[in-house]
């Protein structure tokens, strides 16, 4: 049970939204 497991979905969502790099 790592906090990363709850952050992964968050980072993935942000990466999809920041796909204009």
C-alpha atoms as a PDB file:
ATOM      1  CA  UNK A   1       0.000   0.000   0.000  1.00  0.00           C
ATOM      2  CA  UNK A   2       2.026   2.906  -1.290  1.00  0.00           C
ATOM      3  CA  UNK A   3       0.866   6.442  -1.890  1.00  0.00           C
ATOM      4  CA  UNK A   4       2.282   6.057  -5.404  1.00  0.00           C
ATOM      5  CA  UNK A   5      -0.634   3.734  -6.211  1.00  0.00           C
ATOM      6  CA  UNK A   6      -2.959   6.713  -5.702  1.00  0.00           C
ATOM      7  CA  UNK A   7      -0.634   9.135  -7.447  1.00  0.00           C
ATOM      8  CA  UNK A   8      -0.105   7.027 -10.557  1.00  0.00           C
ATOM      9  CA  UNK A   9      -3.672   7.597 -11.841  1.00  0.00           C
ATOM     10  CA  UNK A  10      -3.272  11.298 -11.054  1.00  0.00           C
ATOM     11  CA  UNK A  11       0.005  11.665 -12.945  1.00  0.00           C
ATOM     12  CA  UNK A  12      -1.382   9.668 -15.877  1.00  0.00           C
ATOM     13  CA  UNK A  13      -4.387  11.982 -16.091  1.00  0.00           C
ATOM     14  CA  UNK A  14      -2.171  15.063 -15.959  1.00  0.00           C
ATOM     15  CA  UNK A  15       0.161  13.634 -18.619  1.00  0.00           C
ATOM     16  CA  UNK A  16      -2.774  13.043 -20.978  1.00  0.00           C
ATOM     17  CA  UNK A  17      -3.936  16.613 -20.419  1.00  0.00           C
ATOM     18  CA  UNK A  18      -0.407  17.967 -20.932  1.00  0.00           C
ATOM     19  CA  UNK A  19       0.101  16.130 -24.194  1.00  0.00           C
ATOM     20  CA  UNK A  20       0.666  19.451 -25.966  1.00  0.00           C
ATOM     21  CA  UNK A  21       4.345  19.516 -24.878  1.00  0.00           C
END
